[in-house]
Amino acid sequence: MNGKGPADWSLETRAVHAGRVEGDREGGDRKGRPYVPTVPPIHPSVTYSYERMEDLDEAFATGGYVYTRHGNPTVAALEEAVAALEDGETAVAFASGMAAIHGALLAVGARAGTAVVAARDLYGATYVLLDRLLRSQGVSVRFVEVTDLAAVEAACAEVRPVALLVETVSNPLLKVADLPALAEVARRHGAALLVDNTFATPYLVRPLALGADLVIHSATKYLGGHGDVLAGVVVTSAARREALMDVLKTTGANLGPQEAWLLLRGLRTLVLRVQRQCASALAVAQWLESHPRVGRVLYPGLPSHPQHERAAHLFGGRGFGGIVTFELKDAGREEVFRFMDRLRLCIPATSLGDIQTLVLYPAHSSHRGLRPEERAALGITDGMVRISVGIEAVEDILADLAQALAHPGAL
């Protein structure tokens, strides 16, 4: 035995064990012998009582368990586990990824009279949150091309934002952000760097170690991994926890204990799933790039990708993610729909990161909230398709794509 403790464990080991606290004893068995469950229990209770009123008062003052909107033991176990995977000091769970992004922005001070600088090609709902909701509440929002560091620097220098918001790998164009350089820009201008790490996962990169202030996940995706839970998580320093909890308690965007338990279960296999998905996604991207009916293929693992070298350095050879985006040649909505209708194994569905291969049409789903001219300005074309590669045998995935593309009525 090497005597390593939890702080020294590899990511694979932390994924299996994080959130399982040795002191979390359920009590005693029929003969009074204490025991610890190997799987954290679900605590559905909304309220909590204490033997003395002084203890209840202290729990209110110190963030103890008094009411589920203020905290829950099962949710706390999940938060501990995600913080461990992201090398963070603390994490706060939310009821959805969008709630987590909104909560993170509010916690760093996004309010009337302040500014936010954000990547231009964000997830559609995030773009709408910034462009519609926050603007309507008096927040100045500046969108920039995240791969143009000079443009990011100029925008931050001009508006002095409270937050710089980026995605490690953008949705759906798969641009790879230079996180260390962006962290330096944010620091120079007094902004908090918020990084949505949903596509990359902590398996590929841990942004806090590269200078990010808050890391956000739509835990619905890879962290859960099975398409059966809606959730979001923000990971950050202990000093920022109070601000996040104030937002959570005020807005009531809490994650339920059942959902937290499902996420904990999903986390246990995160590394195995993402390793398989990265390997299969590279094979799918290479196959699509050689197909005569496919135009542009976007995947960071391809040498043709504009940020291929950056991705290789940032991800340290662990892979390039499980998402592949491509365009059908000379295709629009009708042709894409016919192609997707022909699929038999790959599932047309509006999510990603599942064990199943999911195919999505960004123009009518993830970026439906954007006007056509906004999508066009971002480079999201009417022939674009996004594939979230699952853990099925890759030859079966390729065979399904091949038959759908080969069918006379598909395009």
Protein backbone atom coordinates (compact mmCIF):
# COMPACT_ATOMS: atom_id res chain seq x y z
CA MET A 1 0.00 0.00 0.00
CA ASN A 2 1.31 3.46 -0.84
CA GLY A 3 -0.56 5.23 1.96
CA LYS A 4 -2.07 7.86 -0.32
CA GLY A 5 -4.96 9.90 1.02
CA PRO A 6 -7.93 11.35 -0.90
CA ALA A 7 -6.00 14.52 -1.82
CA ASP A 8 -3.40 12.37 -3.59
CA TRP A 9 -5.76 10.06 -5.42
CA SER A 10 -5.96 10.05 -9.20
CA LEU A 11 -9.02 11.47 -10.94
CA GLU A 12 -10.23 7.94 -11.66
CA THR A 13 -10.12 7.02 -7.96
CA ARG A 14 -11.71 10.30 -6.85
CA ALA A 15 -14.57 9.75 -9.27
CA VAL A 16 -15.31 6.41 -7.63
CA HIS A 17 -14.93 7.48 -3.99
CA ALA A 18 -15.51 11.25 -3.68
CA GLY A 19 -18.57 12.25 -1.67
CA ARG A 20 -18.48 9.10 0.44
CA VAL A 21 -17.55 10.42 3.88
CA GLU A 22 -16.17 7.99 6.43
CA GLY A 23 -17.91 9.79 9.28
CA ASP A 24 -21.33 9.59 7.65
CA ARG A 25 -22.68 6.86 9.91
CA GLU A 26 -26.28 5.80 9.68
CA GLY A 27 -26.35 4.66 13.28
CA GLY A 28 -26.16 1.14 14.62
CA ASP A 29 -27.54 -2.21 13.55
CA ARG A 30 -29.84 -4.30 15.78
CA LYS A 31 -26.99 -4.98 18.16
CA GLY A 32 -25.79 -1.39 18.22
CA ARG A 33 -22.79 -1.92 15.94
CA PRO A 34 -22.05 1.27 13.94
CA TYR A 35 -21.86 1.02 10.18
CA VAL A 36 -21.17 3.23 7.16
CA PRO A 37 -23.06 2.66 3.88
CA THR A 38 -20.81 2.24 0.85
CA VAL A 39 -23.33 4.24 -1.20
CA PRO A 40 -24.36 7.64 0.21
CA PRO A 41 -28.01 7.57 1.32
CA ILE A 42 -30.79 9.80 0.01
CA HIS A 43 -32.05 12.33 2.54
CA PRO A 44 -35.47 13.53 1.34
CA SER A 45 -36.31 15.48 4.50
CA VAL A 46 -37.13 19.16 3.96
CA THR A 47 -36.56 20.18 7.57
CA TYR A 48 -34.12 19.15 10.32
CA SER A 49 -34.44 19.21 14.12
CA TYR A 50 -31.81 19.43 16.83
CA GLU A 51 -31.82 18.40 20.49
CA ARG A 52 -31.21 21.96 21.64
CA MET A 53 -32.39 25.28 20.23
CA GLU A 54 -28.84 26.58 20.56
CA ASP A 55 -27.72 23.95 18.06
CA LEU A 56 -30.46 24.94 15.62
CA ASP A 57 -29.47 28.56 15.98
CA GLU A 58 -25.84 27.69 15.28
CA ALA A 59 -26.87 25.66 12.23
CA PHE A 60 -28.66 28.73 10.84
CA ALA A 61 -25.57 30.84 11.44
CA THR A 62 -22.99 28.42 10.05
CA GLY A 63 -24.75 26.88 7.05
CA GLY A 64 -25.89 23.69 8.77
CA TYR A 65 -28.96 21.67 7.82
CA VAL A 66 -32.12 23.54 8.78
CA TYR A 67 -34.22 23.60 5.60
CA THR A 68 -33.47 21.98 2.26
CA ARG A 69 -33.28 25.32 0.44
CA HIS A 70 -30.29 26.06 2.71
CA GLY A 71 -28.63 22.66 2.26
CA ASN A 72 -29.17 18.91 2.14
CA PRO A 73 -26.81 16.03 3.10
CA THR A 74 -27.22 14.16 -0.21
CA VAL A 75 -26.68 17.34 -2.21
CA ALA A 76 -23.66 18.16 -0.04
CA ALA A 77 -22.13 14.76 -0.87
CA LEU A 78 -22.54 15.52 -4.58
CA GLU A 79 -21.03 18.98 -4.15
CA GLU A 80 -18.03 17.51 -2.35
CA ALA A 81 -17.54 14.96 -5.13
CA VAL A 82 -17.69 17.47 -7.99
CA ALA A 83 -15.37 19.86 -6.15
CA ALA A 84 -12.88 17.00 -5.73
CA LEU A 85 -12.99 16.21 -9.46
CA GLU A 86 -12.44 19.84 -10.44
CA ASP A 87 -9.74 20.46 -7.81
CA GLY A 88 -11.97 23.10 -6.24
CA GLU A 89 -12.43 24.06 -2.61
CA THR A 90 -16.22 24.02 -2.76
CA ALA A 91 -19.16 23.47 -5.09
CA VAL A 92 -22.79 24.54 -5.12
CA ALA A 93 -25.42 22.48 -6.94
CA PHE A 94 -28.34 23.98 -8.84
CA ALA A 95 -31.51 22.58 -10.39
CA SER A 96 -30.17 22.98 -13.95
CA GLY A 97 -27.13 24.06 -15.89
CA MET A 98 -28.82 27.33 -16.82
CA ALA A 99 -29.61 28.02 -13.15
CA ALA A 100 -25.93 27.39 -12.38
CA ILE A 101 -24.75 29.87 -15.03
CA HIS A 102 -27.27 32.48 -13.93
CA GLY A 103 -26.36 31.92 -10.28
CA ALA A 104 -22.64 32.23 -11.00
CA LEU A 105 -23.13 35.51 -12.85
CA LEU A 106 -25.24 36.94 -10.04
CA ALA A 107 -22.75 35.78 -7.43
CA VAL A 108 -19.86 37.66 -9.06
CA GLY A 109 -21.91 40.87 -9.18
CA ALA A 110 -23.72 40.97 -12.55
CA ARG A 111 -26.44 43.54 -11.94
CA ALA A 112 -27.68 46.86 -13.30
CA GLY A 113 -24.82 49.18 -14.11
CA THR A 114 -22.20 46.44 -14.50
CA ALA A 115 -20.83 44.72 -17.61
CA VAL A 116 -20.19 41.16 -18.73
CA VAL A 117 -17.90 40.11 -21.57
CA ALA A 118 -18.78 36.73 -23.08
CA ALA A 119 -17.75 34.46 -25.91
CA ARG A 120 -19.80 35.03 -29.04
CA ASP A 121 -20.65 31.40 -29.77
CA LEU A 122 -22.06 30.18 -26.49
CA TYR A 123 -24.79 27.62 -25.96
CA GLY A 124 -27.96 29.22 -27.31
CA ALA A 125 -29.79 29.46 -23.98
CA THR A 126 -26.74 31.08 -22.37
CA TYR A 127 -26.59 33.60 -25.19
CA VAL A 128 -30.27 34.41 -24.70
CA LEU A 129 -29.81 34.71 -20.91
CA LEU A 130 -27.16 37.35 -21.50
CA ASP A 131 -28.57 39.08 -24.53
CA ARG A 132 -32.20 39.21 -23.46
CA LEU A 133 -32.64 38.76 -19.69
CA LEU A 134 -29.51 40.38 -18.29
CA ARG A 135 -29.60 43.23 -20.81
CA SER A 136 -33.23 43.90 -19.85
CA GLN A 137 -32.10 44.18 -16.23
CA GLY A 138 -29.49 46.81 -16.96
CA VAL A 139 -26.38 44.66 -17.45
CA SER A 140 -24.16 45.71 -20.35
CA VAL A 141 -23.16 42.63 -22.37
CA ARG A 142 -20.32 42.54 -24.89
CA PHE A 143 -19.90 39.44 -27.07
CA VAL A 144 -16.42 38.76 -28.47
CA GLU A 145 -14.63 36.15 -30.55
CA VAL A 146 -13.05 34.10 -27.76
CA THR A 147 -10.17 32.84 -29.92
CA ASP A 148 -9.12 36.46 -30.65
CA LEU A 149 -7.26 37.40 -27.47
CA ALA A 150 -6.69 40.95 -28.67
CA ALA A 151 -10.45 41.43 -29.10
CA VAL A 152 -11.11 39.99 -25.63
CA GLU A 153 -8.48 42.27 -24.13
CA ALA A 154 -9.90 45.34 -25.88
CA ALA A 155 -13.45 44.58 -24.75
CA CYS A 156 -12.39 44.03 -21.14
CA ALA A 157 -10.32 47.21 -21.15
CA GLU A 158 -13.26 49.21 -22.50
CA VAL A 159 -16.14 47.99 -20.31
CA ARG A 160 -14.29 46.73 -17.19
CA PRO A 161 -16.57 43.70 -16.72
CA VAL A 162 -17.38 41.89 -13.50
CA ALA A 163 -17.24 38.62 -15.43
CA LEU A 164 -15.62 37.09 -18.48
CA LEU A 165 -17.71 34.06 -19.49
CA VAL A 166 -16.39 31.40 -21.87
CA GLU A 167 -16.84 27.73 -22.71
CA THR A 168 -13.79 25.45 -22.72
CA VAL A 169 -15.14 23.92 -25.91
CA SER A 170 -17.90 25.96 -27.51
CA ASN A 171 -21.35 24.71 -28.42
CA PRO A 172 -21.77 23.74 -31.27
CA LEU A 173 -18.75 25.11 -33.20
CA LEU A 174 -16.24 23.39 -30.87
CA LYS A 175 -13.84 26.32 -30.59
CA VAL A 176 -11.24 25.69 -27.90
CA ALA A 177 -10.55 28.53 -25.48
CA ASP A 178 -7.03 29.45 -24.39
CA LEU A 179 -7.89 29.29 -20.69
CA PRO A 180 -4.53 30.36 -19.20
CA ALA A 181 -4.35 33.41 -21.48
CA LEU A 182 -7.99 34.34 -20.80
CA ALA A 183 -7.35 34.07 -17.06
CA GLU A 184 -4.54 36.59 -17.38
CA VAL A 185 -6.78 38.97 -19.35
CA ALA A 186 -9.54 38.67 -16.74
CA ARG A 187 -7.08 39.33 -13.88
CA ARG A 188 -5.65 42.40 -15.56
CA HIS A 189 -9.09 43.98 -15.79
CA GLY A 190 -10.56 42.88 -12.46
CA ALA A 191 -13.02 40.38 -13.92
CA ALA A 192 -13.91 36.94 -12.62
CA LEU A 193 -13.27 34.24 -15.23
CA LEU A 194 -16.29 31.92 -15.51
CA VAL A 195 -15.68 28.75 -17.52
CA ASP A 196 -18.42 26.41 -18.69
CA ASN A 197 -16.55 23.10 -18.69
CA THR A 198 -19.50 20.91 -19.68
CA PHE A 199 -18.08 19.66 -23.01
CA ALA A 200 -14.55 19.06 -21.74
CA THR A 201 -15.37 17.61 -18.28
CA PRO A 202 -12.74 17.47 -15.52
CA TYR A 203 -11.31 14.41 -17.26
CA LEU A 204 -9.88 16.54 -20.07
CA VAL A 205 -9.09 19.76 -18.20
CA ARG A 206 -9.61 21.41 -14.82
CA PRO A 207 -9.91 25.18 -15.45
CA LEU A 208 -9.42 26.27 -11.82
CA ALA A 209 -5.83 25.08 -12.03
CA LEU A 210 -5.37 27.31 -15.08
CA GLY A 211 -6.65 30.48 -13.44
CA ALA A 212 -10.44 30.30 -13.71
CA ASP A 213 -12.45 31.68 -10.78
CA LEU A 214 -15.61 29.64 -11.22
CA VAL A 215 -16.20 26.46 -13.22
CA ILE A 216 -19.73 25.62 -14.33
CA HIS A 217 -21.25 22.33 -15.47
CA SER A 218 -24.55 21.39 -16.92
CA ALA A 219 -24.39 18.22 -14.85
CA THR A 220 -27.28 16.88 -16.93
CA LYS A 221 -24.67 16.01 -19.52
CA TYR A 222 -21.41 14.11 -18.92
CA LEU A 223 -21.37 14.23 -15.12
CA GLY A 224 -24.71 12.41 -14.93
CA GLY A 225 -24.16 10.61 -18.20
CA HIS A 226 -27.41 8.68 -18.44
CA GLY A 227 -30.01 11.22 -19.53
CA ASP A 228 -32.08 10.81 -16.37
CA VAL A 229 -31.33 13.91 -14.30
CA LEU A 230 -31.43 17.70 -14.78
CA ALA A 231 -28.82 19.61 -12.76
CA GLY A 232 -26.04 22.18 -12.70
CA VAL A 233 -22.98 22.71 -10.52
CA VAL A 234 -20.64 25.65 -9.87
CA VAL A 235 -17.16 24.89 -8.47
CA THR A 236 -15.07 27.65 -6.95
CA SER A 237 -13.03 28.82 -3.95
CA ALA A 238 -14.31 28.67 -0.39
CA ALA A 239 -14.33 32.47 -0.32
CA ARG A 240 -17.01 32.61 -3.03
CA ARG A 241 -19.34 30.01 -1.51
CA GLU A 242 -21.31 32.47 0.60
CA ALA A 243 -22.21 34.61 -2.41
CA LEU A 244 -23.35 31.55 -4.37
CA MET A 245 -25.39 30.26 -1.43
CA ASP A 246 -27.05 33.66 -1.02
CA VAL A 247 -28.19 33.45 -4.64
CA LEU A 248 -29.35 29.85 -4.23
CA LYS A 249 -31.32 30.48 -1.04
CA THR A 250 -32.93 33.61 -2.50
CA THR A 251 -33.89 32.19 -5.90
CA GLY A 252 -34.76 28.69 -4.69
CA ALA A 253 -32.99 27.06 -7.64
CA ASN A 254 -32.06 24.06 -5.49
CA LEU A 255 -31.23 20.58 -6.67
CA GLY A 256 -33.33 17.83 -5.12
CA PRO A 257 -31.75 14.95 -3.15
CA GLN A 258 -32.97 12.27 -5.58
CA GLU A 259 -31.33 14.11 -8.47
CA ALA A 260 -28.14 14.58 -6.45
CA TRP A 261 -28.01 10.84 -5.75
CA LEU A 262 -28.42 10.01 -9.45
CA LEU A 263 -25.56 12.37 -10.28
CA LEU A 264 -23.34 10.76 -7.66
CA ARG A 265 -24.03 7.39 -9.24
CA GLY A 266 -23.21 8.76 -12.68
CA LEU A 267 -19.94 10.31 -11.51
CA ARG A 268 -18.57 6.90 -10.55
CA THR A 269 -18.15 5.93 -14.23
CA LEU A 270 -17.33 9.39 -15.63
CA VAL A 271 -13.73 8.60 -16.56
CA LEU A 272 -14.55 5.28 -18.23
CA ARG A 273 -17.38 6.83 -20.23
CA VAL A 274 -15.49 9.89 -21.41
CA GLN A 275 -12.42 7.87 -22.38
CA ARG A 276 -14.61 5.69 -24.62
CA GLN A 277 -16.52 8.66 -26.01
CA CYS A 278 -13.34 10.55 -26.89
CA ALA A 279 -11.88 7.58 -28.75
CA SER A 280 -15.09 6.91 -30.65
CA ALA A 281 -15.67 10.59 -31.46
CA LEU A 282 -12.24 10.81 -33.10
CA ALA A 283 -13.07 7.78 -35.25
CA VAL A 284 -16.44 9.29 -36.20
CA ALA A 285 -14.86 12.65 -37.08
CA GLN A 286 -12.20 11.02 -39.25
CA TRP A 287 -14.82 8.95 -41.04
CA LEU A 288 -17.10 11.94 -41.65
CA GLU A 289 -14.20 14.02 -42.98
CA SER A 290 -13.70 11.52 -45.79
CA HIS A 291 -17.39 11.12 -46.69
CA PRO A 292 -18.41 12.65 -50.04
CA ARG A 293 -21.76 13.91 -48.72
CA VAL A 294 -20.21 15.72 -45.79
CA GLY A 295 -18.72 19.19 -46.01
CA ARG A 296 -16.99 20.82 -43.06
CA VAL A 297 -16.23 18.66 -40.00
CA LEU A 298 -15.46 20.37 -36.69
CA TYR A 299 -13.62 18.31 -34.10
CA PRO A 300 -10.62 19.44 -32.02
CA GLY A 301 -8.89 16.10 -32.57
CA LEU A 302 -8.60 16.65 -36.32
CA PRO A 303 -5.49 18.43 -37.67
CA SER A 304 -7.89 20.52 -39.78
CA HIS A 305 -9.42 22.09 -36.66
CA PRO A 306 -8.19 25.69 -36.14
CA GLN A 307 -7.34 25.05 -32.46
CA HIS A 308 -6.07 21.48 -32.81
CA GLU A 309 -2.64 22.20 -31.32
CA ARG A 310 -4.14 24.23 -28.48
CA ALA A 311 -6.54 21.38 -27.68
CA ALA A 312 -3.73 18.82 -27.73
CA HIS A 313 -1.75 20.93 -25.25
CA LEU A 314 -4.73 21.86 -23.05
CA PHE A 315 -6.08 18.31 -22.83
CA GLY A 316 -2.68 16.68 -22.37
CA GLY A 317 -3.25 13.77 -24.73
CA ARG A 318 -6.28 12.47 -22.83
CA GLY A 319 -8.60 12.98 -25.81
CA PHE A 320 -10.55 15.73 -27.54
CA GLY A 321 -14.10 15.32 -26.30
CA GLY A 322 -17.14 13.36 -27.33
CA ILE A 323 -18.85 15.93 -29.58
CA VAL A 324 -18.50 16.12 -33.36
CA THR A 325 -20.14 18.83 -35.48
CA PHE A 326 -20.42 18.60 -39.26
CA GLU A 327 -22.29 20.07 -42.21
CA LEU A 328 -24.15 18.15 -44.87
CA LYS A 329 -23.10 19.38 -48.30
CA ASP A 330 -25.55 21.77 -49.96
CA ALA A 331 -28.16 20.95 -47.32
CA GLY A 332 -30.76 22.91 -45.42
CA ARG A 333 -33.40 22.08 -42.84
CA GLU A 334 -35.34 19.68 -45.09
CA GLU A 335 -32.28 17.63 -46.06
CA VAL A 336 -31.03 17.49 -42.47
CA PHE A 337 -34.43 16.32 -41.24
CA ARG A 338 -34.50 13.54 -43.85
CA PHE A 339 -31.02 12.41 -42.81
CA MET A 340 -31.98 12.38 -39.14
CA ASP A 341 -35.23 10.54 -39.83
CA ARG A 342 -33.20 7.73 -41.44
CA LEU A 343 -31.06 7.13 -38.35
CA ARG A 344 -31.84 3.95 -36.43
CA LEU A 345 -29.19 3.66 -33.71
CA CYS A 346 -28.26 7.32 -33.25
CA ILE A 347 -31.11 9.13 -31.51
CA PRO A 348 -32.32 12.60 -32.53
CA ALA A 349 -32.58 14.18 -29.07
CA THR A 350 -31.89 17.54 -27.49
CA SER A 351 -29.03 16.78 -25.12
CA LEU A 352 -25.47 15.44 -25.05
CA GLY A 353 -23.05 13.49 -22.91
CA ASP A 354 -25.30 10.44 -22.57
CA ILE A 355 -24.18 6.83 -22.93
CA GLN A 356 -26.35 6.80 -26.07
CA THR A 357 -25.29 8.54 -29.29
CA LEU A 358 -27.48 11.62 -29.70
CA VAL A 359 -27.85 13.72 -32.84
CA LEU A 360 -29.08 17.30 -32.73
CA TYR A 361 -29.94 20.04 -35.23
CA PRO A 362 -28.62 23.25 -33.64
CA ALA A 363 -30.74 25.60 -35.76
CA HIS A 364 -33.98 24.28 -34.28
CA SER A 365 -32.92 23.11 -30.80
CA SER A 366 -29.83 24.29 -28.91
CA HIS A 367 -29.83 27.64 -30.77
CA ARG A 368 -33.54 27.92 -31.52
CA GLY A 369 -33.77 31.01 -29.32
CA LEU A 370 -31.49 32.95 -31.67
CA ARG A 371 -32.81 34.79 -34.69
CA PRO A 372 -31.72 33.35 -38.09
CA GLU A 373 -29.40 36.29 -38.68
CA GLU A 374 -27.81 35.76 -35.25
CA ARG A 375 -27.16 32.10 -36.03
CA ALA A 376 -25.71 32.99 -39.41
CA ALA A 377 -23.39 35.57 -37.83
CA LEU A 378 -22.08 32.91 -35.46
CA GLY A 379 -21.50 30.41 -38.28
CA ILE A 380 -24.34 28.04 -37.36
CA THR A 381 -25.62 27.01 -40.78
CA ASP A 382 -28.87 25.36 -41.81
CA GLY A 383 -26.95 22.23 -42.79
CA MET A 384 -25.15 21.80 -39.47
CA VAL A 385 -25.54 18.65 -37.35
CA ARG A 386 -24.09 17.96 -33.89
CA ILE A 387 -23.33 14.41 -32.73
CA SER A 388 -22.79 13.48 -29.10
CA VAL A 389 -21.00 10.16 -29.42
CA GLY A 390 -22.08 7.51 -26.94
CA ILE A 391 -20.44 4.35 -25.66
CA GLU A 392 -21.89 1.94 -28.24
CA ALA A 393 -19.51 -0.01 -30.47
CA VAL A 394 -18.08 2.60 -32.82
CA GLU A 395 -18.54 0.34 -35.86
CA ASP A 396 -22.29 0.31 -35.16
CA ILE A 397 -22.38 4.10 -34.91
CA LEU A 398 -20.53 4.43 -38.23
CA ALA A 399 -22.78 1.88 -39.92
CA ASP A 400 -25.87 3.83 -38.87
CA LEU A 401 -24.43 7.12 -40.15
CA ALA A 402 -23.41 5.40 -43.39
CA GLN A 403 -26.84 3.99 -44.13
CA ALA A 404 -28.54 7.30 -43.35
CA LEU A 405 -26.19 9.20 -45.65
CA ALA A 406 -26.37 6.57 -48.40
CA HIS A 407 -30.16 6.31 -48.58
CA PRO A 408 -31.46 7.89 -51.82
CA GLY A 409 -34.12 9.90 -49.97
CA ALA A 410 -31.91 10.99 -47.12
CA LEU A 411 -30.47 14.10 -48.80
